[in-house]
Amino acid sequence: MVEATAPKKRHEADYLLEARLPSIKVEQSQNPLMQNLLTTELAQPHELELSDGTQFKTGGIDVDIKTEQLLVNSKPNKWLYVWGIPTESKQWFTTASPRPYINDVTFRSGDAIVDQIFKLNT
């Protein structure tokens, strides 16, 4: 039996499913493309500098948050883009499903990639 947050209400169930994504860890990804990008240094993990000067790896991949271009040593690769879950920790809520008719960050990110591609090819 699982007790709900309301103390006088009880709910019974035979099963409980936990539906969430595991933490993002780009360096441990089993995705061959992601591993190849890291191995060939076309991409790098995102890091934050802490107040004591040490670097903390956030688990995400480093991108320019305005264009979604991969960053290596703070320099964007104008031909490579990553969008969505691998950028989590540099951008937030990449796992949320976009809702129509609002100015959703997921749609804005996709638009930014398309804008950059068309600027490069004109």
PDB file of N, CA and C in Angstrom:
ATOM      1  N   MET A   1       0.842  -1.170   0.000  1.00  0.00           N
ATOM      2  CA  MET A   1       0.000   0.000   0.000  1.00  0.00           C
ATOM      3  C   MET A   1       0.886   1.232   0.000  1.00  0.00           C
ATOM      4  N   VAL A   2       0.494   2.252  -0.758  1.00  0.00           N
ATOM      5  CA  VAL A   2       1.226   3.500  -0.856  1.00  0.00           C
ATOM      6  C   VAL A   2       0.392   4.589  -0.211  1.00  0.00           C
ATOM      7  N   GLU A   3       0.969   5.320   0.715  1.00  0.00           N
ATOM      8  CA  GLU A   3       0.232   6.395   1.377  1.00  0.00           C
ATOM      9  C   GLU A   3       0.419   7.688   0.606  1.00  0.00           C
ATOM     10  N   ALA A   4      -0.673   8.353   0.332  1.00  0.00           N
ATOM     11  CA  ALA A   4      -0.625   9.635  -0.371  1.00  0.00           C
ATOM     12  C   ALA A   4      -0.169  10.726   0.583  1.00  0.00           C
ATOM     13  N   THR A   5       0.073  11.909   0.057  1.00  0.00           N
ATOM     14  CA  THR A   5       0.530  13.011   0.905  1.00  0.00           C
ATOM     15  C   THR A   5      -0.558  13.517   1.836  1.00  0.00           C
ATOM     16  N   ALA A   6      -1.801  13.325   1.499  1.00  0.00           N
ATOM     17  CA  ALA A   6      -2.904  13.693   2.395  1.00  0.00           C
ATOM     18  C   ALA A   6      -3.050  12.563   3.407  1.00  0.00           C
ATOM     19  N   PRO A   7      -2.864  12.824   4.703  1.00  0.00           N
ATOM     20  CA  PRO A   7      -2.799  11.735   5.689  1.00  0.00           C
ATOM     21  C   PRO A   7      -4.067  10.890   5.809  1.00  0.00           C
ATOM     22  N   LYS A   8      -5.219  11.420   5.499  1.00  0.00           N
ATOM     23  CA  LYS A   8      -6.447  10.648   5.656  1.00  0.00           C
ATOM     24  C   LYS A   8      -6.862   9.934   4.378  1.00  0.00           C
ATOM     25  N   LYS A   9      -6.124  10.118   3.320  1.00  0.00           N
ATOM     26  CA  LYS A   9      -6.435   9.448   2.060  1.00  0.00           C
ATOM     27  C   LYS A   9      -5.419   8.347   1.828  1.00  0.00           C
ATOM     28  N   ARG A  10      -5.917   7.213   1.414  1.00  0.00           N
ATOM     29  CA  ARG A  10      -5.039   6.085   1.096  1.00  0.00           C
ATOM     30  C   ARG A  10      -5.400   5.564  -0.278  1.00  0.00           C
ATOM     31  N   HIS A  11      -4.393   5.123  -0.980  1.00  0.00           N
ATOM     32  CA  HIS A  11      -4.572   4.540  -2.304  1.00  0.00           C
ATOM     33  C   HIS A  11      -3.824   3.224  -2.332  1.00  0.00           C
ATOM     34  N   GLU A  12      -4.422   2.236  -2.920  1.00  0.00           N
ATOM     35  CA  GLU A  12      -3.771   0.942  -3.042  1.00  0.00           C
ATOM     36  C   GLU A  12      -3.415   0.687  -4.499  1.00  0.00           C
ATOM     37  N   ALA A  13      -2.255   0.047  -4.684  1.00  0.00           N
ATOM     38  CA  ALA A  13      -1.813  -0.287  -6.035  1.00  0.00           C
ATOM     39  C   ALA A  13      -0.944  -1.529  -5.977  1.00  0.00           C
ATOM     40  N   ASP A  14      -0.966  -2.282  -7.042  1.00  0.00           N
ATOM     41  CA  ASP A  14      -0.106  -3.463  -7.131  1.00  0.00           C
ATOM     42  C   ASP A  14       1.283  -3.108  -7.644  1.00  0.00           C
ATOM     43  N   TYR A  15       1.370  -2.008  -8.404  1.00  0.00           N
ATOM     44  CA  TYR A  15       2.634  -1.609  -9.013  1.00  0.00           C
ATOM     45  C   TYR A  15       2.838  -0.112  -8.865  1.00  0.00           C
ATOM     46  N   LEU A  16       4.088   0.291  -8.820  1.00  0.00           N
ATOM     47  CA  LEU A  16       4.450   1.706  -8.807  1.00  0.00           C
ATOM     48  C   LEU A  16       5.520   1.898  -9.868  1.00  0.00           C
ATOM     49  N   LEU A  17       5.276   2.785 -10.793  1.00  0.00           N
ATOM     50  CA  LEU A  17       6.254   3.088 -11.835  1.00  0.00           C
ATOM     51  C   LEU A  17       6.900   4.422 -11.539  1.00  0.00           C
ATOM     52  N   GLU A  18       8.198   4.482 -11.659  1.00  0.00           N
ATOM     53  CA  GLU A  18       8.905   5.747 -11.535  1.00  0.00           C
ATOM     54  C   GLU A  18       9.277   6.164 -12.944  1.00  0.00           C
ATOM     55  N   ALA A  19       8.703   7.266 -13.406  1.00  0.00           N
ATOM     56  CA  ALA A  19       8.904   7.692 -14.796  1.00  0.00           C
ATOM     57  C   ALA A  19       9.706   8.982 -14.818  1.00  0.00           C
ATOM     58  N   ARG A  20      10.996   8.847 -14.961  1.00  0.00           N
ATOM     59  CA  ARG A  20      11.865  10.015 -15.087  1.00  0.00           C
ATOM     60  C   ARG A  20      13.123   9.593 -15.812  1.00  0.00           C
ATOM     61  N   LEU A  21      13.813  10.563 -16.323  1.00  0.00           N
ATOM     62  CA  LEU A  21      15.064  10.265 -17.019  1.00  0.00           C
ATOM     63  C   LEU A  21      16.207  10.191 -16.019  1.00  0.00           C
ATOM     64  N   PRO A  22      17.201   9.353 -16.272  1.00  0.00           N
ATOM     65  CA  PRO A  22      18.386   9.373 -15.424  1.00  0.00           C
ATOM     66  C   PRO A  22      19.140  10.679 -15.639  1.00  0.00           C
ATOM     67  N   SER A  23      20.075  10.962 -14.759  1.00  0.00           N
ATOM     68  CA  SER A  23      20.855  12.187 -14.924  1.00  0.00           C
ATOM     69  C   SER A  23      21.650  12.130 -16.225  1.00  0.00           C
ATOM     70  N   ILE A  24      21.894  13.301 -16.778  1.00  0.00           N
ATOM     71  CA  ILE A  24      22.619  13.411 -18.037  1.00  0.00           C
ATOM     72  C   ILE A  24      24.124  13.315 -17.737  1.00  0.00           C
ATOM     73  N   LYS A  25      24.806  12.406 -18.407  1.00  0.00           N
ATOM     74  CA  LYS A  25      26.259  12.248 -18.255  1.00  0.00           C
ATOM     75  C   LYS A  25      26.833  11.945 -19.624  1.00  0.00           C
ATOM     76  N   VAL A  26      27.134  12.996 -20.369  1.00  0.00           N
ATOM     77  CA  VAL A  26      27.566  12.839 -21.761  1.00  0.00           C
ATOM     78  C   VAL A  26      28.811  11.971 -21.884  1.00  0.00           C
ATOM     79  N   GLU A  27      29.686  12.018 -20.919  1.00  0.00           N
ATOM     80  CA  GLU A  27      30.916  11.219 -21.009  1.00  0.00           C
ATOM     81  C   GLU A  27      30.654   9.725 -20.819  1.00  0.00           C
ATOM     82  N   GLN A  28      29.525   9.375 -20.227  1.00  0.00           N
ATOM     83  CA  GLN A  28      29.175   7.975 -20.031  1.00  0.00           C
ATOM     84  C   GLN A  28      28.132   7.493 -21.036  1.00  0.00           C
ATOM     85  N   SER A  29      27.756   8.348 -21.945  1.00  0.00           N
ATOM     86  CA  SER A  29      26.749   7.999 -22.946  1.00  0.00           C
ATOM     87  C   SER A  29      27.203   6.794 -23.761  1.00  0.00           C
ATOM     88  N   GLN A  30      26.271   5.910 -24.073  1.00  0.00           N
ATOM     89  CA  GLN A  30      26.565   4.762 -24.924  1.00  0.00           C
ATOM     90  C   GLN A  30      26.327   5.093 -26.392  1.00  0.00           C
ATOM     91  N   ASN A  31      25.930   6.323 -26.673  1.00  0.00           N
ATOM     92  CA  ASN A  31      25.653   6.751 -28.040  1.00  0.00           C
ATOM     93  C   ASN A  31      26.976   6.866 -28.803  1.00  0.00           C
ATOM     94  N   PRO A  32      27.167   6.073 -29.870  1.00  0.00           N
ATOM     95  CA  PRO A  32      28.443   6.109 -30.607  1.00  0.00           C
ATOM     96  C   PRO A  32      28.751   7.472 -31.217  1.00  0.00           C
ATOM     97  N   LEU A  33      27.724   8.179 -31.679  1.00  0.00           N
ATOM     98  CA  LEU A  33      27.957   9.501 -32.254  1.00  0.00           C
ATOM     99  C   LEU A  33      28.489  10.452 -31.190  1.00  0.00           C
ATOM    100  N   MET A  34      27.857  10.464 -30.011  1.00  0.00           N
ATOM    101  CA  MET A  34      28.297  11.354 -28.939  1.00  0.00           C
ATOM    102  C   MET A  34      29.718  11.009 -28.509  1.00  0.00           C
ATOM    103  N   GLN A  35      30.020   9.725 -28.381  1.00  0.00           N
ATOM    104  CA  GLN A  35      31.366   9.318 -27.989  1.00  0.00           C
ATOM    105  C   GLN A  35      32.395   9.706 -29.046  1.00  0.00           C
ATOM    106  N   ASN A  36      32.033   9.600 -30.321  1.00  0.00           N
ATOM    107  CA  ASN A  36      32.938   9.985 -31.392  1.00  0.00           C
ATOM    108  C   ASN A  36      33.196  11.488 -31.372  1.00  0.00           C
ATOM    109  N   LEU A  37      32.162  12.278 -31.128  1.00  0.00           N
ATOM    110  CA  LEU A  37      32.343  13.739 -31.047  1.00  0.00           C
ATOM    111  C   LEU A  37      33.318  14.102 -29.930  1.00  0.00           C
ATOM    112  N   LEU A  38      33.197  13.427 -28.786  1.00  0.00           N
ATOM    113  CA  LEU A  38      34.108  13.704 -27.665  1.00  0.00           C
ATOM    114  C   LEU A  38      35.525  13.206 -27.958  1.00  0.00           C
ATOM    115  N   THR A  39      35.630  12.005 -28.503  1.00  0.00           N
ATOM    116  CA  THR A  39      36.945  11.409 -28.793  1.00  0.00           C
ATOM    117  C   THR A  39      37.719  12.225 -29.811  1.00  0.00           C
ATOM    118  N   THR A  40      37.043  12.714 -30.831  1.00  0.00           N
ATOM    119  CA  THR A  40      37.712  13.486 -31.888  1.00  0.00           C
ATOM    120  C   THR A  40      37.820  14.968 -31.534  1.00  0.00           C
ATOM    121  N   GLU A  41      37.376  15.315 -30.341  1.00  0.00           N
ATOM    122  CA  GLU A  41      37.426  16.692 -29.821  1.00  0.00           C
ATOM    123  C   GLU A  41      36.638  17.673 -30.677  1.00  0.00           C
ATOM    124  N   LEU A  42      35.567  17.171 -31.284  1.00  0.00           N
ATOM    125  CA  LEU A  42      34.619  18.063 -31.953  1.00  0.00           C
ATOM    126  C   LEU A  42      33.585  18.580 -30.961  1.00  0.00           C
ATOM    127  N   ALA A  43      33.590  17.996 -29.769  1.00  0.00           N
ATOM    128  CA  ALA A  43      32.703  18.408 -28.687  1.00  0.00           C
ATOM    129  C   ALA A  43      33.445  18.213 -27.371  1.00  0.00           C
ATOM    130  N   GLN A  44      32.937  18.867 -26.334  1.00  0.00           N
ATOM    131  CA  GLN A  44      33.518  18.688 -25.008  1.00  0.00           C
ATOM    132  C   GLN A  44      32.413  18.775 -23.963  1.00  0.00           C
ATOM    133  N   PRO A  45      32.639  18.142 -22.813  1.00  0.00           N
ATOM    134  CA  PRO A  45      31.652  18.245 -21.741  1.00  0.00           C
ATOM    135  C   PRO A  45      31.558  19.690 -21.237  1.00  0.00           C
ATOM    136  N   HIS A  46      30.366  20.061 -20.792  1.00  0.00           N
ATOM    137  CA  HIS A  46      30.172  21.390 -20.212  1.00  0.00           C
ATOM    138  C   HIS A  46      30.735  21.396 -18.799  1.00  0.00           C
ATOM    139  N   GLU A  47      31.467  22.439 -18.452  1.00  0.00           N
ATOM    140  CA  GLU A  47      32.036  22.587 -17.114  1.00  0.00           C
ATOM    141  C   GLU A  47      31.700  23.953 -16.563  1.00  0.00           C
ATOM    142  N   LEU A  48      31.546  24.013 -15.256  1.00  0.00           N
ATOM    143  CA  LEU A  48      31.360  25.280 -14.546  1.00  0.00           C
ATOM    144  C   LEU A  48      32.560  25.518 -13.650  1.00  0.00           C
ATOM    145  N   GLU A  49      32.977  26.770 -13.550  1.00  0.00           N
ATOM    146  CA  GLU A  49      34.043  27.092 -12.611  1.00  0.00           C
ATOM    147  C   GLU A  49      33.401  27.451 -11.283  1.00  0.00           C
ATOM    148  N   LEU A  50      33.788  26.732 -10.239  1.00  0.00           N
ATOM    149  CA  LEU A  50      33.247  26.976  -8.909  1.00  0.00           C
ATOM    150  C   LEU A  50      33.980  28.133  -8.244  1.00  0.00           C
ATOM    151  N   SER A  51      33.430  28.613  -7.145  1.00  0.00           N
ATOM    152  CA  SER A  51      33.997  29.789  -6.477  1.00  0.00           C
ATOM    153  C   SER A  51      35.436  29.571  -6.010  1.00  0.00           C
ATOM    154  N   ASP A  52      35.826  28.307  -5.775  1.00  0.00           N
ATOM    155  CA  ASP A  52      37.208  28.043  -5.345  1.00  0.00           C
ATOM    156  C   ASP A  52      38.149  27.832  -6.532  1.00  0.00           C
ATOM    157  N   GLY A  53      37.620  28.017  -7.761  1.00  0.00           N
ATOM    158  CA  GLY A  53      38.448  27.901  -8.956  1.00  0.00           C
ATOM    159  C   GLY A  53      38.472  26.525  -9.585  1.00  0.00           C
ATOM    160  N   THR A  54      37.919  25.532  -8.915  1.00  0.00           N
ATOM    161  CA  THR A  54      37.889  24.188  -9.495  1.00  0.00           C
ATOM    162  C   THR A  54      36.799  24.090 -10.566  1.00  0.00           C
ATOM    163  N   GLN A  55      37.006  23.148 -11.474  1.00  0.00           N
ATOM    164  CA  GLN A  55      36.048  22.923 -12.551  1.00  0.00           C
ATOM    165  C   GLN A  55      35.107  21.788 -12.161  1.00  0.00           C
ATOM    166  N   PHE A  56      33.829  21.962 -12.440  1.00  0.00           N
ATOM    167  CA  PHE A  56      32.815  20.950 -12.167  1.00  0.00           C
ATOM    168  C   PHE A  56      32.153  20.544 -13.469  1.00  0.00           C
ATOM    169  N   LYS A  57      32.219  19.259 -13.811  1.00  0.00           N
ATOM    170  CA  LYS A  57      31.568  18.758 -15.024  1.00  0.00           C
ATOM    171  C   LYS A  57      30.091  18.549 -14.712  1.00  0.00           C
ATOM    172  N   THR A  58      29.244  19.223 -15.481  1.00  0.00           N
ATOM    173  CA  THR A  58      27.804  19.196 -15.220  1.00  0.00           C
ATOM    174  C   THR A  58      27.112  17.963 -15.772  1.00  0.00           C
ATOM    175  N   GLY A  59      27.734  17.266 -16.698  1.00  0.00           N
ATOM    176  CA  GLY A  59      27.134  16.094 -17.315  1.00  0.00           C
ATOM    177  C   GLY A  59      26.647  16.357 -18.732  1.00  0.00           C
ATOM    178  N   GLY A  60      26.382  17.613 -19.050  1.00  0.00           N
ATOM    179  CA  GLY A  60      25.912  17.971 -20.387  1.00  0.00           C
ATOM    180  C   GLY A  60      27.061  18.207 -21.342  1.00  0.00           C
ATOM    181  N   ILE A  61      26.692  18.492 -22.576  1.00  0.00           N
ATOM    182  CA  ILE A  61      27.680  18.818 -23.601  1.00  0.00           C
ATOM    183  C   ILE A  61      27.707  20.339 -23.749  1.00  0.00           C
ATOM    184  N   ASP A  62      28.853  20.906 -24.070  1.00  0.00           N
ATOM    185  CA  ASP A  62      28.986  22.353 -24.143  1.00  0.00           C
ATOM    186  C   ASP A  62      28.497  22.881 -25.493  1.00  0.00           C
ATOM    187  N   VAL A  63      27.529  23.798 -25.435  1.00  0.00           N
ATOM    188  CA  VAL A  63      26.976  24.425 -26.634  1.00  0.00           C
ATOM    189  C   VAL A  63      26.832  25.918 -26.395  1.00  0.00           C
ATOM    190  N   ASP A  64      26.778  26.653 -27.481  1.00  0.00           N
ATOM    191  CA  ASP A  64      26.421  28.065 -27.423  1.00  0.00           C
ATOM    192  C   ASP A  64      24.900  28.106 -27.263  1.00  0.00           C
ATOM    193  N   ILE A  65      24.401  28.630 -26.157  1.00  0.00           N
ATOM    194  CA  ILE A  65      22.965  28.549 -25.892  1.00  0.00           C
ATOM    195  C   ILE A  65      22.122  29.419 -26.813  1.00  0.00           C
ATOM    196  N   LYS A  66      22.749  30.322 -27.549  1.00  0.00           N
ATOM    197  CA  LYS A  66      21.985  31.140 -28.502  1.00  0.00           C
ATOM    198  C   LYS A  66      21.844  30.449 -29.852  1.00  0.00           C
ATOM    199  N   THR A  67      22.845  29.676 -30.256  1.00  0.00           N
ATOM    200  CA  THR A  67      22.828  29.069 -31.590  1.00  0.00           C
ATOM    201  C   THR A  67      22.778  27.542 -31.571  1.00  0.00           C
ATOM    202  N   GLU A  68      23.022  26.927 -30.415  1.00  0.00           N
ATOM    203  CA  GLU A  68      23.068  25.461 -30.266  1.00  0.00           C
ATOM    204  C   GLU A  68      24.288  24.838 -30.944  1.00  0.00           C
ATOM    205  N   GLN A  69      25.268  25.667 -31.327  1.00  0.00           N
ATOM    206  CA  GLN A  69      26.491  25.139 -31.932  1.00  0.00           C
ATOM    207  C   GLN A  69      27.378  24.537 -30.844  1.00  0.00           C
ATOM    208  N   LEU A  70      28.035  23.432 -31.188  1.00  0.00           N
ATOM    209  CA  LEU A  70      28.968  22.825 -30.251  1.00  0.00           C
ATOM    210  C   LEU A  70      30.112  23.783 -29.958  1.00  0.00           C
ATOM    211  N   LEU A  71      30.518  23.829 -28.703  1.00  0.00           N
ATOM    212  CA  LEU A  71      31.653  24.655 -28.296  1.00  0.00           C
ATOM    213  C   LEU A  71      32.820  23.771 -27.892  1.00  0.00           C
ATOM    214  N   VAL A  72      34.009  24.147 -28.339  1.00  0.00           N
ATOM    215  CA  VAL A  72      35.248  23.538 -27.872  1.00  0.00           C
ATOM    216  C   VAL A  72      36.182  24.689 -27.554  1.00  0.00           C
ATOM    217  N   ASN A  73      36.630  24.737 -26.310  1.00  0.00           N
ATOM    218  CA  ASN A  73      37.475  25.838 -25.832  1.00  0.00           C
ATOM    219  C   ASN A  73      36.814  27.194 -26.105  1.00  0.00           C
ATOM    220  N   SER A  74      35.523  27.265 -25.858  1.00  0.00           N
ATOM    221  CA  SER A  74      34.705  28.484 -26.015  1.00  0.00           C
ATOM    222  C   SER A  74      34.527  28.933 -27.460  1.00  0.00           C
ATOM    223  N   LYS A  75      34.971  28.130 -28.424  1.00  0.00           N
ATOM    224  CA  LYS A  75      34.821  28.489 -29.836  1.00  0.00           C
ATOM    225  C   LYS A  75      33.739  27.617 -30.468  1.00  0.00           C
ATOM    226  N   PRO A  76      32.738  28.244 -31.123  1.00  0.00           N
ATOM    227  CA  PRO A  76      31.667  27.455 -31.741  1.00  0.00           C
ATOM    228  C   PRO A  76      32.119  26.798 -33.042  1.00  0.00           C
ATOM    229  N   ASN A  77      31.627  25.610 -33.263  1.00  0.00           N
ATOM    230  CA  ASN A  77      31.824  24.924 -34.543  1.00  0.00           C
ATOM    231  C   ASN A  77      30.612  25.268 -35.393  1.00  0.00           C
ATOM    232  N   LYS A  78      30.805  26.044 -36.446  1.00  0.00           N
ATOM    233  CA  LYS A  78      29.669  26.550 -37.212  1.00  0.00           C
ATOM    234  C   LYS A  78      28.930  25.470 -37.983  1.00  0.00           C
ATOM    235  N   TRP A  79      29.436  24.233 -38.011  1.00  0.00           N
ATOM    236  CA  TRP A  79      28.801  23.170 -38.782  1.00  0.00           C
ATOM    237  C   TRP A  79      28.119  22.123 -37.915  1.00  0.00           C
ATOM    238  N   LEU A  80      28.333  22.152 -36.610  1.00  0.00           N
ATOM    239  CA  LEU A  80      27.778  21.110 -35.743  1.00  0.00           C
ATOM    240  C   LEU A  80      26.884  21.708 -34.663  1.00  0.00           C
ATOM    241  N   TYR A  81      25.692  21.130 -34.530  1.00  0.00           N
ATOM    242  CA  TYR A  81      24.690  21.598 -33.575  1.00  0.00           C
ATOM    243  C   TYR A  81      24.222  20.420 -32.724  1.00  0.00           C
ATOM    244  N   VAL A  82      23.931  20.703 -31.483  1.00  0.00           N
ATOM    245  CA  VAL A  82      23.303  19.717 -30.604  1.00  0.00           C
ATOM    246  C   VAL A  82      22.146  20.419 -29.926  1.00  0.00           C
ATOM    247  N   TRP A  83      21.026  19.705 -29.870  1.00  0.00           N
ATOM    248  CA  TRP A  83      19.797  20.290 -29.374  1.00  0.00           C
ATOM    249  C   TRP A  83      19.115  19.294 -28.455  1.00  0.00           C
ATOM    250  N   GLY A  84      18.631  19.734 -27.347  1.00  0.00           N
ATOM    251  CA  GLY A  84      17.831  18.876 -26.483  1.00  0.00           C
ATOM    252  C   GLY A  84      18.579  18.314 -25.294  1.00  0.00           C
ATOM    253  N   ILE A  85      18.260  17.079 -24.961  1.00  0.00           N
ATOM    254  CA  ILE A  85      18.691  16.464 -23.706  1.00  0.00           C
ATOM    255  C   ILE A  85      20.198  16.505 -23.475  1.00  0.00           C
ATOM    256  N   PRO A  86      21.081  16.261 -24.458  1.00  0.00           N
ATOM    257  CA  PRO A  86      22.519  16.317 -24.157  1.00  0.00           C
ATOM    258  C   PRO A  86      22.998  17.689 -23.672  1.00  0.00           C
ATOM    259  N   THR A  87      22.200  18.737 -23.890  1.00  0.00           N
ATOM    260  CA  THR A  87      22.606  20.079 -23.452  1.00  0.00           C
ATOM    261  C   THR A  87      22.081  20.407 -22.054  1.00  0.00           C
ATOM    262  N   GLU A  88      21.343  19.479 -21.450  1.00  0.00           N
ATOM    263  CA  GLU A  88      20.793  19.701 -20.112  1.00  0.00           C
ATOM    264  C   GLU A  88      21.936  20.022 -19.158  1.00  0.00           C
ATOM    265  N   SER A  89      21.750  20.987 -18.332  1.00  0.00           N
ATOM    266  CA  SER A  89      22.676  21.537 -17.335  1.00  0.00           C
ATOM    267  C   SER A  89      23.304  22.828 -17.848  1.00  0.00           C
ATOM    268  N   LYS A  90      23.410  22.975 -19.140  1.00  0.00           N
ATOM    269  CA  LYS A  90      23.782  24.285 -19.675  1.00  0.00           C
ATOM    270  C   LYS A  90      22.490  25.025 -20.000  1.00  0.00           C
ATOM    271  N   GLN A  91      21.533  24.293 -20.502  1.00  0.00           N
ATOM    272  CA  GLN A  91      20.178  24.786 -20.700  1.00  0.00           C
ATOM    273  C   GLN A  91      19.294  23.899 -19.826  1.00  0.00           C
ATOM    274  N   TRP A  92      18.206  24.445 -19.368  1.00  0.00           N
ATOM    275  CA  TRP A  92      17.341  23.675 -18.476  1.00  0.00           C
ATOM    276  C   TRP A  92      16.030  23.330 -19.143  1.00  0.00           C
ATOM    277  N   PHE A  93      15.406  22.279 -18.663  1.00  0.00           N
ATOM    278  CA  PHE A  93      14.090  21.811 -19.102  1.00  0.00           C
ATOM    279  C   PHE A  93      14.097  21.313 -20.539  1.00  0.00           C
ATOM    280  N   THR A  94      15.211  20.747 -20.980  1.00  0.00           N
ATOM    281  CA  THR A  94      15.279  20.202 -22.334  1.00  0.00           C
ATOM    282  C   THR A  94      14.506  18.898 -22.439  1.00  0.00           C
ATOM    283  N   THR A  95      14.138  18.321 -21.312  1.00  0.00           N
ATOM    284  CA  THR A  95      13.393  17.066 -21.326  1.00  0.00           C
ATOM    285  C   THR A  95      11.885  17.296 -21.344  1.00  0.00           C
ATOM    286  N   ALA A  96      11.455  18.521 -21.179  1.00  0.00           N
ATOM    287  CA  ALA A  96      10.017  18.813 -21.159  1.00  0.00           C
ATOM    288  C   ALA A  96       9.466  18.840 -22.574  1.00  0.00           C
ATOM    289  N   SER A  97       8.267  18.339 -22.729  1.00  0.00           N
ATOM    290  CA  SER A  97       7.620  18.367 -24.041  1.00  0.00           C
ATOM    291  C   SER A  97       7.113  19.769 -24.331  1.00  0.00           C
ATOM    292  N   PRO A  98       7.386  20.273 -25.519  1.00  0.00           N
ATOM    293  CA  PRO A  98       6.919  21.625 -25.847  1.00  0.00           C
ATOM    294  C   PRO A  98       5.400  21.678 -25.962  1.00  0.00           C
ATOM    295  N   ARG A  99       4.855  22.791 -25.584  1.00  0.00           N
ATOM    296  CA  ARG A  99       3.412  23.003 -25.706  1.00  0.00           C
ATOM    297  C   ARG A  99       3.162  23.946 -26.865  1.00  0.00           C
ATOM    298  N   PRO A 100       2.123  23.684 -27.647  1.00  0.00           N
ATOM    299  CA  PRO A 100       1.822  24.550 -28.785  1.00  0.00           C
ATOM    300  C   PRO A 100       1.276  25.902 -28.337  1.00  0.00           C
ATOM    301  N   TYR A 101       1.456  26.880 -29.190  1.00  0.00           N
ATOM    302  CA  TYR A 101       0.904  28.230 -29.028  1.00  0.00           C
ATOM    303  C   TYR A 101       1.510  29.018 -27.871  1.00  0.00           C
ATOM    304  N   ILE A 102       2.685  28.618 -27.416  1.00  0.00           N
ATOM    305  CA  ILE A 102       3.413  29.442 -26.446  1.00  0.00           C
ATOM    306  C   ILE A 102       4.834  29.611 -26.961  1.00  0.00           C
ATOM    307  N   ASN A 103       5.559  30.521 -26.396  1.00  0.00           N
ATOM    308  CA  ASN A 103       6.929  30.789 -26.814  1.00  0.00           C
ATOM    309  C   ASN A 103       7.867  29.804 -26.105  1.00  0.00           C
ATOM    310  N   ASP A 104       7.782  28.536 -26.496  1.00  0.00           N
ATOM    311  CA  ASP A 104       8.484  27.462 -25.819  1.00  0.00           C
ATOM    312  C   ASP A 104       9.978  27.460 -26.162  1.00  0.00           C
ATOM    313  N   VAL A 105      10.819  27.221 -25.164  1.00  0.00           N
ATOM    314  CA  VAL A 105      12.272  27.222 -25.355  1.00  0.00           C
ATOM    315  C   VAL A 105      12.718  26.136 -26.332  1.00  0.00           C
ATOM    316  N   THR A 106      12.026  25.006 -26.354  1.00  0.00           N
ATOM    317  CA  THR A 106      12.397  23.930 -27.276  1.00  0.00           C
ATOM    318  C   THR A 106      12.204  24.370 -28.723  1.00  0.00           C
ATOM    319  N   PHE A 107      11.079  25.025 -29.002  1.00  0.00           N
ATOM    320  CA  PHE A 107      10.843  25.526 -30.360  1.00  0.00           C
ATOM    321  C   PHE A 107      11.807  26.654 -30.713  1.00  0.00           C
ATOM    322  N   ARG A 108      12.105  27.525 -29.758  1.00  0.00           N
ATOM    323  CA  ARG A 108      13.049  28.625 -30.018  1.00  0.00           C
ATOM    324  C   ARG A 108      14.437  28.065 -30.349  1.00  0.00           C
ATOM    325  N   SER A 109      14.845  27.019 -29.645  1.00  0.00           N
ATOM    326  CA  SER A 109      16.151  26.404 -29.918  1.00  0.00           C
ATOM    327  C   SER A 109      16.195  25.813 -31.321  1.00  0.00           C
ATOM    328  N   GLY A 110      15.149  25.130 -31.712  1.00  0.00           N
ATOM    329  CA  GLY A 110      15.090  24.585 -33.077  1.00  0.00           C
ATOM    330  C   GLY A 110      15.119  25.679 -34.117  1.00  0.00           C
ATOM    331  N   ASP A 111      14.389  26.754 -33.860  1.00  0.00           N
ATOM    332  CA  ASP A 111      14.398  27.896 -34.782  1.00  0.00           C
ATOM    333  C   ASP A 111      15.794  28.502 -34.900  1.00  0.00           C
ATOM    334  N   ALA A 112      16.510  28.576 -33.783  1.00  0.00           N
ATOM    335  CA  ALA A 112      17.866  29.149 -33.809  1.00  0.00           C
ATOM    336  C   ALA A 112      18.795  28.314 -34.688  1.00  0.00           C
ATOM    337  N   ILE A 113      18.663  26.999 -34.620  1.00  0.00           N
ATOM    338  CA  ILE A 113      19.497  26.129 -35.454  1.00  0.00           C
ATOM    339  C   ILE A 113      19.181  26.350 -36.930  1.00  0.00           C
ATOM    340  N   VAL A 114      17.907  26.359 -37.270  1.00  0.00           N
ATOM    341  CA  VAL A 114      17.504  26.567 -38.669  1.00  0.00           C
ATOM    342  C   VAL A 114      18.000  27.923 -39.163  1.00  0.00           C
ATOM    343  N   ASP A 115      17.864  28.970 -38.343  1.00  0.00           N
ATOM    344  CA  ASP A 115      18.346  30.302 -38.737  1.00  0.00           C
ATOM    345  C   ASP A 115      19.841  30.271 -39.040  1.00  0.00           C
ATOM    346  N   GLN A 116      20.614  29.611 -38.195  1.00  0.00           N
ATOM    347  CA  GLN A 116      22.056  29.546 -38.405  1.00  0.00           C
ATOM    348  C   GLN A 116      22.399  28.786 -39.684  1.00  0.00           C
ATOM    349  N   ILE A 117      21.719  27.690 -39.931  1.00  0.00           N
ATOM    350  CA  ILE A 117      21.989  26.896 -41.138  1.00  0.00           C
ATOM    351  C   ILE A 117      21.709  27.721 -42.389  1.00  0.00           C
ATOM    352  N   PHE A 118      20.579  28.438 -42.410  1.00  0.00           N
ATOM    353  CA  PHE A 118      20.250  29.243 -43.582  1.00  0.00           C
ATOM    354  C   PHE A 118      21.211  30.423 -43.741  1.00  0.00           C
ATOM    355  N   LYS A 119      21.685  30.999 -42.645  1.00  0.00           N
ATOM    356  CA  LYS A 119      22.665  32.090 -42.749  1.00  0.00           C
ATOM    357  C   LYS A 119      23.974  31.588 -43.349  1.00  0.00           C
ATOM    358  N   LEU A 120      24.366  30.371 -43.001  1.00  0.00           N
ATOM    359  CA  LEU A 120      25.618  29.804 -43.517  1.00  0.00           C
ATOM    360  C   LEU A 120      25.536  29.447 -44.990  1.00  0.00           C
ATOM    361  N   ASN A 121      24.330  29.135 -45.458  1.00  0.00           N
ATOM    362  CA  ASN A 121      24.169  28.666 -46.832  1.00  0.00           C
ATOM    363  C   ASN A 121      23.637  29.724 -47.790  1.00  0.00           C
ATOM    364  N   THR A 122      23.617  30.970 -47.369  1.00  0.00           N
ATOM    365  CA  THR A 122      23.146  32.037 -48.272  1.00  0.00           C
ATOM    366  C   THR A 122      24.276  32.944 -48.665  1.00  0.00           C
TER     367      THR A 122
END
